[in-house]
């Protein structure tokens, strides 16, 4: 009896740890990419987007219109969640999302 209880508890611990690791991996994969290079047509020169230790983006470019054109790349990934939840929250259909 004691051996069965120990085995069941060990299996349960492994399943919870595996589920936690899978959940962490899934949530981590859904975060926006903040490193690497991206080639985009429509800008006249190079644009550098640097993030400091607090992940605040700083956009540097030669022409004035280029950073405004690239602002969507910085703002869009972090604005998706508020754009989905804010209209639904006051009216109650937030449960439809979940």
PDB file of N, CA and C in Angstrom:
ATOM      1  N   UNK A   1       0.822  -1.201   0.000  1.00  0.00           N
ATOM      2  CA  UNK A   1       0.000   0.000   0.000  1.00  0.00           C
ATOM      3  C   UNK A   1       0.864   1.263   0.000  1.00  0.00           C
ATOM      4  N   UNK A   2       1.898   1.242   0.825  1.00  0.00           N
ATOM      5  CA  UNK A   2       2.760   2.415   0.911  1.00  0.00           C
ATOM      6  C   UNK A   2       3.525   2.624  -0.391  1.00  0.00           C
ATOM      7  N   UNK A   3       3.925   1.545  -1.024  1.00  0.00           N
ATOM      8  CA  UNK A   3       4.664   1.636  -2.290  1.00  0.00           C
ATOM      9  C   UNK A   3       3.776   2.208  -3.390  1.00  0.00           C
ATOM     10  N   UNK A   4       2.530   1.811  -3.436  1.00  0.00           N
ATOM     11  CA  UNK A   4       1.591   2.336  -4.439  1.00  0.00           C
ATOM     12  C   UNK A   4       1.356   3.826  -4.229  1.00  0.00           C
ATOM     13  N   UNK A   5       1.242   4.225  -2.967  1.00  0.00           N
ATOM     14  CA  UNK A   5       1.049   5.646  -2.666  1.00  0.00           C
ATOM     15  C   UNK A   5       2.268   6.471  -3.069  1.00  0.00           C
ATOM     16  N   UNK A   6       3.458   5.945  -2.795  1.00  0.00           N
ATOM     17  CA  UNK A   6       4.693   6.635  -3.168  1.00  0.00           C
ATOM     18  C   UNK A   6       4.818   6.737  -4.685  1.00  0.00           C
ATOM     19  N   UNK A   7       4.505   5.663  -5.388  1.00  0.00           N
ATOM     20  CA  UNK A   7       4.569   5.662  -6.853  1.00  0.00           C
ATOM     21  C   UNK A   7       3.563   6.645  -7.437  1.00  0.00           C
ATOM     22  N   UNK A   8       2.353   6.656  -6.894  1.00  0.00           N
ATOM     23  CA  UNK A   8       1.321   7.580  -7.383  1.00  0.00           C
ATOM     24  C   UNK A   8       1.741   9.024  -7.138  1.00  0.00           C
ATOM     25  N   UNK A   9       2.295   9.300  -5.972  1.00  0.00           N
ATOM     26  CA  UNK A   9       2.755  10.647  -5.661  1.00  0.00           C
ATOM     27  C   UNK A   9       3.906  11.069  -6.575  1.00  0.00           C
ATOM     28  N   UNK A  10       4.825  10.152  -6.859  1.00  0.00           N
ATOM     29  CA  UNK A  10       5.945  10.461  -7.758  1.00  0.00           C
ATOM     30  C   UNK A  10       5.450  10.747  -9.171  1.00  0.00           C
ATOM     31  N   UNK A  11       4.502   9.954  -9.645  1.00  0.00           N
ATOM     32  CA  UNK A  11       3.938  10.173 -10.986  1.00  0.00           C
ATOM     33  C   UNK A  11       3.209  11.513 -11.026  1.00  0.00           C
ATOM     34  N   UNK A  12       2.479  11.824  -9.977  1.00  0.00           N
ATOM     35  CA  UNK A  12       1.764  13.100  -9.917  1.00  0.00           C
ATOM     36  C   UNK A  12       2.736  14.284  -9.926  1.00  0.00           C
ATOM     37  N   UNK A  13       3.821  14.178  -9.190  1.00  0.00           N
ATOM     38  CA  UNK A  13       4.828  15.245  -9.169  1.00  0.00           C
ATOM     39  C   UNK A  13       5.452  15.413 -10.552  1.00  0.00           C
ATOM     40  N   UNK A  14       5.752  14.319 -11.225  1.00  0.00           N
ATOM     41  CA  UNK A  14       6.336  14.392 -12.567  1.00  0.00           C
ATOM     42  C   UNK A  14       5.350  15.016 -13.550  1.00  0.00           C
ATOM     43  N   UNK A  15       4.076  14.649 -13.459  1.00  0.00           N
ATOM     44  CA  UNK A  15       3.070  15.230 -14.355  1.00  0.00           C
ATOM     45  C   UNK A  15       2.884  16.725 -14.109  1.00  0.00           C
ATOM     46  N   UNK A  16       2.853  17.140 -12.853  1.00  0.00           N
ATOM     47  CA  UNK A  16       2.702  18.564 -12.544  1.00  0.00           C
ATOM     48  C   UNK A  16       3.930  19.341 -13.020  1.00  0.00           C
ATOM     49  N   UNK A  17       5.122  18.795 -12.787  1.00  0.00           N
ATOM     50  CA  UNK A  17       6.347  19.471 -13.243  1.00  0.00           C
ATOM     51  C   UNK A  17       6.388  19.539 -14.770  1.00  0.00           C
ATOM     52  N   UNK A  18       5.999  18.456 -15.425  1.00  0.00           N
ATOM     53  CA  UNK A  18       5.971  18.466 -16.892  1.00  0.00           C
ATOM     54  C   UNK A  18       4.936  19.441 -17.427  1.00  0.00           C
ATOM     55  N   UNK A  19       3.772  19.498 -16.798  1.00  0.00           N
ATOM     56  CA  UNK A  19       2.747  20.462 -17.217  1.00  0.00           C
ATOM     57  C   UNK A  19       3.192  21.895 -16.988  1.00  0.00           C
ATOM     58  N   UNK A  20       3.865  22.137 -15.863  1.00  0.00           N
ATOM     59  CA  UNK A  20       4.385  23.482 -15.600  1.00  0.00           C
ATOM     60  C   UNK A  20       5.445  23.883 -16.609  1.00  0.00           C
ATOM     61  N   UNK A  21       6.330  22.948 -16.943  1.00  0.00           N
ATOM     62  CA  UNK A  21       7.373  23.240 -17.939  1.00  0.00           C
ATOM     63  C   UNK A  21       6.757  23.480 -19.308  1.00  0.00           C
ATOM     64  N   UNK A  22       5.756  22.677 -19.682  1.00  0.00           N
ATOM     65  CA  UNK A  22       5.095  22.863 -20.977  1.00  0.00           C
ATOM     66  C   UNK A  22       4.354  24.198 -21.018  1.00  0.00           C
ATOM     67  N   UNK A  23       3.689  24.563 -19.921  1.00  0.00           N
ATOM     68  CA  UNK A  23       3.002  25.848 -19.866  1.00  0.00           C
ATOM     69  C   UNK A  23       3.967  27.018 -19.958  1.00  0.00           C
ATOM     70  N   UNK A  24       5.093  26.903 -19.251  1.00  0.00           N
ATOM     71  CA  UNK A  24       6.108  27.951 -19.327  1.00  0.00           C
ATOM     72  C   UNK A  24       6.644  28.078 -20.743  1.00  0.00           C
ATOM     73  N   UNK A  25       6.923  26.965 -21.403  1.00  0.00           N
ATOM     74  CA  UNK A  25       7.433  26.996 -22.775  1.00  0.00           C
ATOM     75  C   UNK A  25       6.406  27.611 -23.716  1.00  0.00           C
ATOM     76  N   UNK A  26       5.124  27.244 -23.552  1.00  0.00           N
ATOM     77  CA  UNK A  26       4.070  27.772 -24.420  1.00  0.00           C
ATOM     78  C   UNK A  26       3.932  29.289 -24.241  1.00  0.00           C
ATOM     79  N   UNK A  27       3.915  29.750 -22.996  1.00  0.00           N
ATOM     80  CA  UNK A  27       3.784  31.181 -22.754  1.00  0.00           C
ATOM     81  C   UNK A  27       5.021  31.947 -23.202  1.00  0.00           C
ATOM     82  N   UNK A  28       6.195  31.367 -23.017  1.00  0.00           N
ATOM     83  CA  UNK A  28       7.445  32.009 -23.441  1.00  0.00           C
ATOM     84  C   UNK A  28       7.511  32.120 -24.965  1.00  0.00           C
ATOM     85  N   UNK A  29       6.986  31.112 -25.672  1.00  0.00           N
ATOM     86  CA  UNK A  29       7.002  31.142 -27.137  1.00  0.00           C
ATOM     87  C   UNK A  29       6.052  32.198 -27.693  1.00  0.00           C
ATOM     88  N   UNK A  30       5.036  32.604 -26.917  1.00  0.00           N
ATOM     89  CA  UNK A  30       4.079  33.578 -27.414  1.00  0.00           C
ATOM     90  C   UNK A  30       4.553  35.022 -27.245  1.00  0.00           C
ATOM     91  N   UNK A  31       5.672  35.235 -26.563  1.00  0.00           N
ATOM     92  CA  UNK A  31       6.204  36.587 -26.405  1.00  0.00           C
ATOM     93  C   UNK A  31       6.779  37.097 -27.729  1.00  0.00           C
ATOM     94  N   UNK A  32       6.706  38.390 -27.973  1.00  0.00           N
ATOM     95  CA  UNK A  32       7.254  38.922 -29.222  1.00  0.00           C
ATOM     96  C   UNK A  32       8.776  38.830 -29.257  1.00  0.00           C
ATOM     97  N   UNK A  33       9.313  38.646 -30.456  1.00  0.00           N
ATOM     98  CA  UNK A  33      10.769  38.602 -30.641  1.00  0.00           C
ATOM     99  C   UNK A  33      11.325  40.014 -30.477  1.00  0.00           C
ATOM    100  N   UNK A  34      12.373  40.138 -29.689  1.00  0.00           N
ATOM    101  CA  UNK A  34      12.968  41.455 -29.471  1.00  0.00           C
ATOM    102  C   UNK A  34      14.418  41.513 -29.924  1.00  0.00           C
ATOM    103  N   UNK A  35      14.897  40.478 -30.573  1.00  0.00           N
ATOM    104  CA  UNK A  35      16.271  40.494 -31.067  1.00  0.00           C
ATOM    105  C   UNK A  35      16.298  39.977 -32.500  1.00  0.00           C
ATOM    106  N   UNK A  36      17.401  40.197 -33.172  1.00  0.00           N
ATOM    107  CA  UNK A  36      17.547  39.757 -34.554  1.00  0.00           C
ATOM    108  C   UNK A  36      17.433  40.918 -35.520  1.00  0.00           C
ATOM    109  N   UNK A  37      17.470  40.589 -36.799  1.00  0.00           N
ATOM    110  CA  UNK A  37      17.362  41.593 -37.854  1.00  0.00           C
ATOM    111  C   UNK A  37      16.143  41.313 -38.699  1.00  0.00           C
ATOM    112  N   UNK A  38      15.561  42.372 -39.236  1.00  0.00           N
ATOM    113  CA  UNK A  38      14.396  42.262 -40.092  1.00  0.00           C
ATOM    114  C   UNK A  38      14.572  43.226 -41.252  1.00  0.00           C
ATOM    115  N   UNK A  39      14.398  42.743 -42.452  1.00  0.00           N
ATOM    116  CA  UNK A  39      14.504  43.573 -43.643  1.00  0.00           C
ATOM    117  C   UNK A  39      13.102  43.951 -44.103  1.00  0.00           C
ATOM    118  N   UNK A  40      12.859  45.249 -44.224  1.00  0.00           N
ATOM    119  CA  UNK A  40      11.540  45.752 -44.585  1.00  0.00           C
ATOM    120  C   UNK A  40      11.679  46.713 -45.747  1.00  0.00           C
ATOM    121  N   UNK A  41      10.806  46.600 -46.730  1.00  0.00           N
ATOM    122  CA  UNK A  41      10.806  47.549 -47.842  1.00  0.00           C
ATOM    123  C   UNK A  41       9.962  48.758 -47.459  1.00  0.00           C
ATOM    124  N   UNK A  42      10.298  49.894 -47.988  1.00  0.00           N
ATOM    125  CA  UNK A  42       9.527  51.100 -47.749  1.00  0.00           C
ATOM    126  C   UNK A  42      10.228  52.136 -46.890  1.00  0.00           C
ATOM    127  N   UNK A  43      11.407  51.830 -46.413  1.00  0.00           N
ATOM    128  CA  UNK A  43      12.161  52.817 -45.656  1.00  0.00           C
ATOM    129  C   UNK A  43      13.397  53.195 -46.452  1.00  0.00           C
ATOM    130  N   UNK A  44      13.901  54.401 -46.213  1.00  0.00           N
ATOM    131  CA  UNK A  44      14.985  54.904 -47.048  1.00  0.00           C
ATOM    132  C   UNK A  44      16.370  54.620 -46.486  1.00  0.00           C
ATOM    133  N   UNK A  45      16.480  54.211 -45.247  1.00  0.00           N
ATOM    134  CA  UNK A  45      17.786  53.963 -44.650  1.00  0.00           C
ATOM    135  C   UNK A  45      17.677  52.976 -43.502  1.00  0.00           C
ATOM    136  N   UNK A  46      18.791  52.666 -42.892  1.00  0.00           N
ATOM    137  CA  UNK A  46      18.749  51.717 -41.778  1.00  0.00           C
ATOM    138  C   UNK A  46      18.088  52.319 -40.534  1.00  0.00           C
ATOM    139  N   UNK A  47      17.345  51.493 -39.858  1.00  0.00           N
ATOM    140  CA  UNK A  47      16.679  51.882 -38.616  1.00  0.00           C
ATOM    141  C   UNK A  47      17.132  50.908 -37.537  1.00  0.00           C
ATOM    142  N   UNK A  48      17.633  51.425 -36.432  1.00  0.00           N
ATOM    143  CA  UNK A  48      18.066  50.594 -35.315  1.00  0.00           C
ATOM    144  C   UNK A  48      17.064  50.722 -34.177  1.00  0.00           C
ATOM    145  N   UNK A  49      16.593  49.587 -33.702  1.00  0.00           N
ATOM    146  CA  UNK A  49      15.714  49.554 -32.542  1.00  0.00           C
ATOM    147  C   UNK A  49      16.485  48.850 -31.438  1.00  0.00           C
ATOM    148  N   UNK A  50      16.865  49.599 -30.438  1.00  0.00           N
ATOM    149  CA  UNK A  50      17.629  49.063 -29.320  1.00  0.00           C
ATOM    150  C   UNK A  50      16.767  49.092 -28.067  1.00  0.00           C
ATOM    151  N   UNK A  51      16.885  48.067 -27.257  1.00  0.00           N
ATOM    152  CA  UNK A  51      16.132  48.007 -26.000  1.00  0.00           C
ATOM    153  C   UNK A  51      17.113  48.069 -24.841  1.00  0.00           C
ATOM    154  N   UNK A  52      16.774  48.854 -23.828  1.00  0.00           N
ATOM    155  CA  UNK A  52      17.650  48.944 -22.661  1.00  0.00           C
ATOM    156  C   UNK A  52      17.333  47.800 -21.691  1.00  0.00           C
ATOM    157  N   UNK A  53      17.905  47.840 -20.487  1.00  0.00           N
ATOM    158  CA  UNK A  53      17.743  46.739 -19.546  1.00  0.00           C
ATOM    159  C   UNK A  53      16.301  46.596 -19.063  1.00  0.00           C
ATOM    160  N   UNK A  54      15.483  47.633 -19.206  1.00  0.00           N
ATOM    161  CA  UNK A  54      14.066  47.565 -18.845  1.00  0.00           C
ATOM    162  C   UNK A  54      13.179  47.245 -20.047  1.00  0.00           C
ATOM    163  N   UNK A  55      13.778  46.873 -21.171  1.00  0.00           N
ATOM    164  CA  UNK A  55      13.104  46.524 -22.424  1.00  0.00           C
ATOM    165  C   UNK A  55      12.334  47.707 -23.019  1.00  0.00           C
ATOM    166  N   UNK A  56      12.787  48.905 -22.750  1.00  0.00           N
ATOM    167  CA  UNK A  56      12.192  50.089 -23.360  1.00  0.00           C
ATOM    168  C   UNK A  56      12.872  50.308 -24.701  1.00  0.00           C
ATOM    169  N   UNK A  57      12.095  50.369 -25.794  1.00  0.00           N
ATOM    170  CA  UNK A  57      12.719  50.507 -27.113  1.00  0.00           C
ATOM    171  C   UNK A  57      13.164  51.944 -27.387  1.00  0.00           C
ATOM    172  N   UNK A  58      14.299  52.053 -28.044  1.00  0.00           N
ATOM    173  CA  UNK A  58      14.835  53.328 -28.519  1.00  0.00           C
ATOM    174  C   UNK A  58      15.082  53.161 -30.009  1.00  0.00           C
ATOM    175  N   UNK A  59      14.481  54.040 -30.814  1.00  0.00           N
ATOM    176  CA  UNK A  59      14.534  53.919 -32.276  1.00  0.00           C
ATOM    177  C   UNK A  59      15.449  55.005 -32.816  1.00  0.00           C
ATOM    178  N   UNK A  60      16.428  54.589 -33.616  1.00  0.00           N
ATOM    179  CA  UNK A  60      17.391  55.517 -34.222  1.00  0.00           C
ATOM    180  C   UNK A  60      17.348  55.342 -35.734  1.00  0.00           C
ATOM    181  N   UNK A  61      17.289  56.463 -36.457  1.00  0.00           N
ATOM    182  CA  UNK A  61      17.269  56.432 -37.918  1.00  0.00           C
ATOM    183  C   UNK A  61      17.840  57.728 -38.456  1.00  0.00           C
ATOM    184  N   UNK A  62      18.151  57.739 -39.767  1.00  0.00           N
ATOM    185  CA  UNK A  62      18.708  58.923 -40.400  1.00  0.00           C
ATOM    186  C   UNK A  62      17.615  59.886 -40.873  1.00  0.00           C
ATOM    187  N   UNK A  63      16.530  59.334 -41.389  1.00  0.00           N
ATOM    188  CA  UNK A  63      15.431  60.157 -41.882  1.00  0.00           C
ATOM    189  C   UNK A  63      14.322  60.211 -40.831  1.00  0.00           C
ATOM    190  N   UNK A  64      13.565  61.296 -40.795  1.00  0.00           N
ATOM    191  CA  UNK A  64      12.535  61.478 -39.781  1.00  0.00           C
ATOM    192  C   UNK A  64      11.352  60.525 -39.966  1.00  0.00           C
ATOM    193  N   UNK A  65      11.007  60.185 -41.189  1.00  0.00           N
ATOM    194  CA  UNK A  65       9.837  59.331 -41.441  1.00  0.00           C
ATOM    195  C   UNK A  65      10.112  57.861 -41.145  1.00  0.00           C
ATOM    196  N   UNK A  66      11.359  57.435 -41.190  1.00  0.00           N
ATOM    197  CA  UNK A  66      11.669  56.016 -41.000  1.00  0.00           C
ATOM    198  C   UNK A  66      11.317  55.490 -39.604  1.00  0.00           C
ATOM    199  N   UNK A  67      11.641  56.185 -38.528  1.00  0.00           N
ATOM    200  CA  UNK A  67      11.244  55.634 -37.220  1.00  0.00           C
ATOM    201  C   UNK A  67       9.735  55.609 -37.021  1.00  0.00           C
ATOM    202  N   UNK A  68       9.025  56.553 -37.631  1.00  0.00           N
ATOM    203  CA  UNK A  68       7.571  56.524 -37.522  1.00  0.00           C
ATOM    204  C   UNK A  68       7.001  55.322 -38.264  1.00  0.00           C
ATOM    205  N   UNK A  69       7.637  54.973 -39.380  1.00  0.00           N
ATOM    206  CA  UNK A  69       7.209  53.808 -40.143  1.00  0.00           C
ATOM    207  C   UNK A  69       7.469  52.527 -39.363  1.00  0.00           C
ATOM    208  N   UNK A  70       8.544  52.474 -38.606  1.00  0.00           N
ATOM    209  CA  UNK A  70       8.921  51.278 -37.852  1.00  0.00           C
ATOM    210  C   UNK A  70       8.293  51.212 -36.466  1.00  0.00           C
ATOM    211  N   UNK A  71       7.577  52.239 -36.079  1.00  0.00           N
ATOM    212  CA  UNK A  71       6.963  52.246 -34.762  1.00  0.00           C
ATOM    213  C   UNK A  71       5.954  51.117 -34.592  1.00  0.00           C
ATOM    214  N   UNK A  72       5.319  50.710 -35.696  1.00  0.00           N
ATOM    215  CA  UNK A  72       4.365  49.605 -35.616  1.00  0.00           C
ATOM    216  C   UNK A  72       5.040  48.325 -35.158  1.00  0.00           C
ATOM    217  N   UNK A  73       6.279  48.125 -35.536  1.00  0.00           N
ATOM    218  CA  UNK A  73       6.989  46.899 -35.161  1.00  0.00           C
ATOM    219  C   UNK A  73       7.233  46.840 -33.649  1.00  0.00           C
ATOM    220  N   UNK A  74       7.389  47.992 -33.045  1.00  0.00           N
ATOM    221  CA  UNK A  74       7.640  48.044 -31.604  1.00  0.00           C
ATOM    222  C   UNK A  74       6.328  47.974 -30.819  1.00  0.00           C
ATOM    223  N   UNK A  75       5.285  48.648 -31.292  1.00  0.00           N
ATOM    224  CA  UNK A  75       4.054  48.754 -30.531  1.00  0.00           C
ATOM    225  C   UNK A  75       3.079  47.606 -30.750  1.00  0.00           C
ATOM    226  N   UNK A  76       3.035  47.040 -31.936  1.00  0.00           N
ATOM    227  CA  UNK A  76       2.012  46.043 -32.248  1.00  0.00           C
ATOM    228  C   UNK A  76       2.040  44.819 -31.345  1.00  0.00           C
ATOM    229  N   UNK A  77       3.179  44.196 -31.074  1.00  0.00           N
ATOM    230  CA  UNK A  77       3.140  42.988 -30.240  1.00  0.00           C
ATOM    231  C   UNK A  77       2.637  43.222 -28.818  1.00  0.00           C
ATOM    232  N   UNK A  78       2.879  44.393 -28.260  1.00  0.00           N
ATOM    233  CA  UNK A  78       2.435  44.641 -26.892  1.00  0.00           C
ATOM    234  C   UNK A  78       1.048  45.246 -26.833  1.00  0.00           C
ATOM    235  N   UNK A  79       0.487  45.646 -27.955  1.00  0.00           N
ATOM    236  CA  UNK A  79      -0.850  46.232 -27.975  1.00  0.00           C
ATOM    237  C   UNK A  79      -1.939  45.228 -28.328  1.00  0.00           C
ATOM    238  N   UNK A  80      -1.588  44.009 -28.712  1.00  0.00           N
ATOM    239  CA  UNK A  80      -2.599  43.039 -29.119  1.00  0.00           C
ATOM    240  C   UNK A  80      -3.503  42.681 -27.948  1.00  0.00           C
ATOM    241  N   UNK A  81      -2.945  42.405 -26.798  1.00  0.00           N
ATOM    242  CA  UNK A  81      -3.741  42.003 -25.634  1.00  0.00           C
ATOM    243  C   UNK A  81      -4.720  43.099 -25.210  1.00  0.00           C
ATOM    244  N   UNK A  82      -4.293  44.342 -25.029  1.00  0.00           N
ATOM    245  CA  UNK A  82      -5.283  45.377 -24.675  1.00  0.00           C
ATOM    246  C   UNK A  82      -6.338  45.584 -25.750  1.00  0.00           C
ATOM    247  N   UNK A  83      -5.973  45.432 -27.030  1.00  0.00           N
ATOM    248  CA  UNK A  83      -6.948  45.611 -28.092  1.00  0.00           C
ATOM    249  C   UNK A  83      -7.992  44.501 -28.078  1.00  0.00           C
ATOM    250  N   UNK A  84      -7.659  43.324 -27.572  1.00  0.00           N
ATOM    251  CA  UNK A  84      -8.606  42.223 -27.498  1.00  0.00           C
ATOM    252  C   UNK A  84      -9.477  42.333 -26.256  1.00  0.00           C
ATOM    253  N   UNK A  85      -8.890  42.662 -25.109  1.00  0.00           N
ATOM    254  CA  UNK A  85      -9.616  42.592 -23.853  1.00  0.00           C
ATOM    255  C   UNK A  85     -10.373  43.861 -23.477  1.00  0.00           C
ATOM    256  N   UNK A  86      -9.851  45.040 -23.769  1.00  0.00           N
ATOM    257  CA  UNK A  86     -10.499  46.274 -23.309  1.00  0.00           C
ATOM    258  C   UNK A  86     -11.913  46.474 -23.849  1.00  0.00           C
ATOM    259  N   UNK A  87     -12.190  46.207 -25.132  1.00  0.00           N
ATOM    260  CA  UNK A  87     -13.580  46.407 -25.570  1.00  0.00           C
ATOM    261  C   UNK A  87     -14.549  45.411 -24.931  1.00  0.00           C
ATOM    262  N   UNK A  88     -14.090  44.231 -24.577  1.00  0.00           N
ATOM    263  CA  UNK A  88     -14.972  43.202 -24.048  1.00  0.00           C
ATOM    264  C   UNK A  88     -15.187  43.316 -22.544  1.00  0.00           C
ATOM    265  N   UNK A  89     -14.271  43.903 -21.831  1.00  0.00           N
ATOM    266  CA  UNK A  89     -14.325  43.908 -20.376  1.00  0.00           C
ATOM    267  C   UNK A  89     -15.563  44.602 -19.809  1.00  0.00           C
ATOM    268  N   UNK A  90     -15.902  45.834 -20.257  1.00  0.00           N
ATOM    269  CA  UNK A  90     -17.047  46.496 -19.626  1.00  0.00           C
ATOM    270  C   UNK A  90     -18.394  45.871 -19.962  1.00  0.00           C
ATOM    271  N   UNK A  91     -18.497  45.153 -21.063  1.00  0.00           N
ATOM    272  CA  UNK A  91     -19.794  44.658 -21.505  1.00  0.00           C
ATOM    273  C   UNK A  91     -20.058  43.205 -21.116  1.00  0.00           C
ATOM    274  N   UNK A  92     -19.072  42.513 -20.584  1.00  0.00           N
ATOM    275  CA  UNK A  92     -19.307  41.177 -20.078  1.00  0.00           C
ATOM    276  C   UNK A  92     -18.969  40.003 -20.970  1.00  0.00           C
ATOM    277  N   UNK A  93     -18.769  40.151 -22.269  1.00  0.00           N
ATOM    278  CA  UNK A  93     -18.463  38.950 -23.066  1.00  0.00           C
ATOM    279  C   UNK A  93     -17.007  38.517 -23.001  1.00  0.00           C
ATOM    280  N   UNK A  94     -16.333  38.874 -21.904  1.00  0.00           N
ATOM    281  CA  UNK A  94     -14.949  38.457 -21.737  1.00  0.00           C
ATOM    282  C   UNK A  94     -14.845  36.932 -21.638  1.00  0.00           C
ATOM    283  N   UNK A  95     -15.882  36.289 -21.127  1.00  0.00           N
ATOM    284  CA  UNK A  95     -15.884  34.829 -21.033  1.00  0.00           C
ATOM    285  C   UNK A  95     -15.871  34.187 -22.408  1.00  0.00           C
ATOM    286  N   UNK A  96     -16.343  34.865 -23.441  1.00  0.00           N
ATOM    287  CA  UNK A  96     -16.319  34.320 -24.793  1.00  0.00           C
ATOM    288  C   UNK A  96     -14.874  34.137 -25.287  1.00  0.00           C
ATOM    289  N   UNK A  97     -13.972  34.971 -24.808  1.00  0.00           N
ATOM    290  CA  UNK A  97     -12.570  34.857 -25.214  1.00  0.00           C
ATOM    291  C   UNK A  97     -11.957  33.618 -24.605  1.00  0.00           C
ATOM    292  N   UNK A  98     -12.285  33.342 -23.342  1.00  0.00           N
ATOM    293  CA  UNK A  98     -11.722  32.190 -22.649  1.00  0.00           C
ATOM    294  C   UNK A  98     -12.479  30.935 -22.980  1.00  0.00           C
TER     295      UNK A  98
END
